[in-house]
Amino acid sequence: MKKMFIVFLMIVLCRVLISAENLKFSSLALTSGKGAFVSGFDASVFLDNTKIAMEVTGNNDRAYVAFFRKISKFKVGMYTGIFKNMIHAGPYVTLNLKPVSFFYWQGWGFGRPEMPNWKLKSFFQNVGVSINPFGGLRIGYIYCKFLGDKFHIPGVSYSIQINEHISVLAGCDYKIAYGQNTGDPLYRVGVTYRK
């Protein structure tokens, strides 16, 4: 069943890619450090129009492309990518109810990182919520399953608008392994250019 789902995702991604010709550049984000979704130096390009959106993110270990259909306050989509030579794909859904937003992101991979094969396995599952109470402050929580391990990842970030197009961000997440009382701080910084 999962293999059929992955094949379906690939077909739909190809269809979305064909219909994505009217997408326009909206922003470029460069981040460095560690976080729930940052590892090392990441570069992300965001494109969108009134109906669909696309994100392309990558670094030296991983890259993915996500496509979304905009439905009211939802963005319902799917992604495909590669992580340390392992192909993976799955659904990606966001809901923005300003100042609160939610997301669900699930991935299945072929094999394991550095050991790809055609056996489909659960790769990760992330469920998160964040609140933007005022200004550039964002407080969030993510429940993450990654290669069988479970984590709680609370975090905070603050962004400052430098000018009409550029903002900078600093943040810290705290990764707590499931069932443990200790964790590791994950610091990150970034800069975003918005058209």
Protein backbone atom coordinates (compact mmCIF):
# COMPACT_ATOMS: atom_id res chain seq x y z
CA MET A 1 0.00 0.00 0.00
CA LYS A 2 2.81 2.45 0.88
CA LYS A 3 4.59 1.71 -2.42
CA MET A 4 1.39 2.52 -4.29
CA PHE A 5 1.11 5.75 -2.31
CA ILE A 6 4.70 6.74 -3.20
CA VAL A 7 4.06 6.02 -6.89
CA PHE A 8 0.86 8.09 -6.67
CA LEU A 9 2.82 10.95 -5.05
CA MET A 10 5.43 10.88 -7.80
CA ILE A 11 2.73 11.02 -10.49
CA VAL A 12 0.96 13.91 -8.76
CA LEU A 13 4.26 15.75 -8.25
CA CYS A 14 5.00 15.45 -11.96
CA ARG A 15 1.52 16.81 -12.75
CA VAL A 16 1.98 19.72 -10.33
CA LEU A 17 5.40 20.46 -11.81
CA ILE A 18 3.87 20.69 -15.26
CA SER A 19 1.19 23.10 -13.97
CA ALA A 20 3.71 25.13 -11.98
CA GLU A 21 4.75 27.29 -14.92
CA ASN A 22 2.93 30.33 -13.49
CA LEU A 23 4.72 30.22 -10.17
CA LYS A 24 6.55 33.38 -9.18
CA PHE A 25 9.50 33.81 -6.84
CA SER A 26 8.36 34.90 -3.37
CA SER A 27 11.39 34.45 -1.07
CA LEU A 28 14.84 33.02 -0.49
CA ALA A 29 15.94 31.86 2.99
CA LEU A 30 19.48 31.01 4.08
CA THR A 31 19.87 29.38 7.50
CA SER A 32 22.78 27.98 9.44
CA GLY A 33 23.06 25.99 12.65
CA LYS A 34 20.89 23.20 13.97
CA GLY A 35 17.17 22.99 14.55
CA ALA A 36 14.15 20.82 13.98
CA PHE A 37 14.50 21.33 10.21
CA VAL A 38 17.94 22.92 9.87
CA SER A 39 21.21 21.05 9.70
CA GLY A 40 24.33 22.93 8.73
CA PHE A 41 23.85 25.52 5.99
CA ASP A 42 20.44 25.33 4.28
CA ALA A 43 19.16 27.27 1.29
CA SER A 44 15.42 27.43 0.53
CA VAL A 45 13.59 28.99 -2.42
CA PHE A 46 9.84 29.63 -2.20
CA LEU A 47 7.60 30.14 -5.23
CA ASP A 48 3.85 30.63 -5.34
CA ASN A 49 0.77 31.99 -7.06
CA THR A 50 -2.84 32.30 -5.92
CA LYS A 51 -3.51 28.54 -6.07
CA ILE A 52 -0.27 26.65 -5.50
CA ALA A 53 3.08 27.02 -3.74
CA MET A 54 6.43 25.30 -4.06
CA GLU A 55 9.47 25.04 -1.78
CA VAL A 56 12.92 23.79 -2.78
CA THR A 57 15.35 23.25 0.13
CA GLY A 58 18.79 21.72 0.22
CA ASN A 59 22.21 21.40 1.79
CA ASN A 60 25.13 18.99 1.44
CA ASP A 61 23.19 16.06 3.02
CA ARG A 62 19.64 16.52 1.85
CA ALA A 63 17.35 18.17 -0.66
CA TYR A 64 13.60 18.16 -1.13
CA VAL A 65 10.88 19.72 -3.25
CA ALA A 66 7.43 20.33 -1.76
CA PHE A 67 4.30 21.30 -3.70
CA PHE A 68 1.16 22.65 -2.08
CA ARG A 69 -2.39 23.41 -3.14
CA LYS A 70 -3.77 26.46 -1.31
CA ILE A 71 -7.26 25.82 0.07
CA SER A 72 -8.47 28.67 2.25
CA LYS A 73 -6.13 28.71 5.28
CA PHE A 74 -4.72 25.27 4.43
CA LYS A 75 -1.78 24.35 2.26
CA VAL A 76 -2.17 20.67 1.35
CA GLY A 77 0.74 19.11 -0.43
CA MET A 78 3.35 16.50 -0.87
CA TYR A 79 7.08 16.41 -1.12
CA THR A 80 9.86 14.24 -2.42
CA GLY A 81 13.53 14.39 -1.62
CA ILE A 82 16.82 12.70 -0.97
CA PHE A 83 18.66 12.37 2.36
CA LYS A 84 22.14 10.81 2.39
CA ASN A 85 21.38 8.87 -0.84
CA MET A 86 17.93 7.68 0.36
CA ILE A 87 14.87 8.71 -1.64
CA HIS A 88 11.84 9.69 0.44
CA ALA A 89 8.38 11.20 -0.07
CA GLY A 90 5.10 11.86 1.71
CA PRO A 91 2.31 14.32 2.58
CA TYR A 92 2.86 17.81 3.98
CA VAL A 93 -0.08 19.87 5.34
CA THR A 94 -0.15 23.29 7.02
CA LEU A 95 -2.97 25.31 8.58
CA ASN A 96 -2.47 29.01 9.33
CA LEU A 97 -4.97 30.57 11.76
CA LYS A 98 -2.95 33.68 12.61
CA PRO A 99 -1.43 33.97 15.16
CA VAL A 100 -1.44 30.14 15.53
CA SER A 101 -0.30 27.70 12.86
CA PHE A 102 -0.16 23.91 12.67
CA PHE A 103 1.58 21.41 10.42
CA TYR A 104 1.80 17.69 9.72
CA TRP A 105 4.70 16.26 7.69
CA GLN A 106 5.21 12.53 7.10
CA GLY A 107 7.93 10.81 5.09
CA TRP A 108 8.58 7.26 3.94
CA GLY A 109 11.97 6.33 2.59
CA PHE A 110 13.44 3.60 0.46
CA GLY A 111 15.92 1.92 2.81
CA ARG A 112 17.84 3.93 5.38
CA PRO A 113 20.17 6.92 5.05
CA GLU A 114 23.50 5.86 3.49
CA MET A 115 21.93 2.41 2.81
CA PRO A 116 19.26 2.96 0.12
CA ASN A 117 17.25 0.03 -1.23
CA TRP A 118 13.70 -0.53 -2.46
CA LYS A 119 12.25 -1.59 0.90
CA LEU A 120 9.86 1.17 1.97
CA LYS A 121 10.12 2.22 5.64
CA SER A 122 8.83 5.01 7.83
CA PHE A 123 11.46 7.77 7.77
CA PHE A 124 9.96 10.58 9.84
CA GLN A 125 6.74 12.07 11.15
CA ASN A 126 6.44 15.63 12.46
CA VAL A 127 3.42 17.28 14.05
CA GLY A 128 3.83 20.86 15.18
CA VAL A 129 2.17 24.01 16.42
CA SER A 130 3.54 27.53 16.65
CA ILE A 131 2.25 30.84 17.87
CA ASN A 132 3.35 34.29 16.75
CA PRO A 133 2.03 36.43 19.65
CA PHE A 134 3.55 39.75 18.48
CA GLY A 135 6.19 41.15 16.19
CA GLY A 136 8.86 38.68 15.14
CA LEU A 137 8.52 36.37 18.16
CA ARG A 138 7.58 32.77 17.37
CA ILE A 139 7.13 30.03 19.99
CA GLY A 140 6.69 26.46 18.81
CA TYR A 141 6.51 22.79 19.67
CA ILE A 142 7.15 19.77 17.44
CA TYR A 143 6.59 16.10 18.18
CA CYS A 144 9.05 14.26 15.94
CA LYS A 145 9.61 10.62 15.05
CA PHE A 146 12.84 10.16 13.12
CA LEU A 147 14.12 6.70 12.11
CA GLY A 148 12.28 5.13 15.04
CA ASP A 149 13.43 7.65 17.67
CA LYS A 150 10.93 10.04 19.26
CA PHE A 151 11.63 13.63 20.27
CA HIS A 152 9.89 16.63 21.79
CA ILE A 153 11.24 19.84 20.29
CA PRO A 154 10.07 23.08 21.91
CA GLY A 155 11.63 26.23 20.51
CA VAL A 156 11.62 29.97 20.18
CA SER A 157 12.83 32.31 17.46
CA TYR A 158 12.85 36.03 16.84
CA SER A 159 13.06 37.75 13.47
CA ILE A 160 13.79 41.40 12.79
CA GLN A 161 12.79 43.18 9.60
CA ILE A 162 15.92 45.01 8.32
CA ASN A 163 14.19 46.69 5.39
CA GLU A 164 11.26 46.12 3.04
CA HIS A 165 12.78 42.91 1.64
CA ILE A 166 15.25 41.51 4.18
CA SER A 167 14.76 40.00 7.64
CA VAL A 168 17.17 38.19 9.96
CA LEU A 169 16.32 35.45 12.44
CA ALA A 170 17.89 33.85 15.51
CA GLY A 171 16.38 30.87 17.27
CA CYS A 172 16.89 28.02 19.65
CA ASP A 173 15.08 24.69 19.74
CA TYR A 174 15.56 22.16 22.51
CA LYS A 175 15.59 18.51 21.41
CA ILE A 176 14.43 16.18 24.18
CA ALA A 177 14.54 12.44 23.51
CA TYR A 178 11.26 10.72 24.40
CA GLY A 179 11.26 9.52 28.02
CA GLN A 180 14.31 11.57 29.05
CA ASN A 181 14.50 14.75 31.09
CA THR A 182 17.59 16.14 29.39
CA GLY A 183 18.08 17.51 25.94
CA ASP A 184 20.33 19.41 23.59
CA PRO A 185 19.97 23.09 22.62
CA LEU A 186 19.90 23.62 18.85
CA TYR A 187 20.88 27.16 17.80
CA ARG A 188 20.24 28.64 14.37
CA VAL A 189 20.47 31.94 12.52
CA GLY A 190 19.10 32.96 9.15
CA VAL A 191 18.41 35.68 6.66
CA THR A 192 15.39 35.88 4.35
CA TYR A 193 14.84 37.95 1.23
CA ARG A 194 11.19 38.52 0.26
CA LYS A 195 10.21 40.02 -3.07
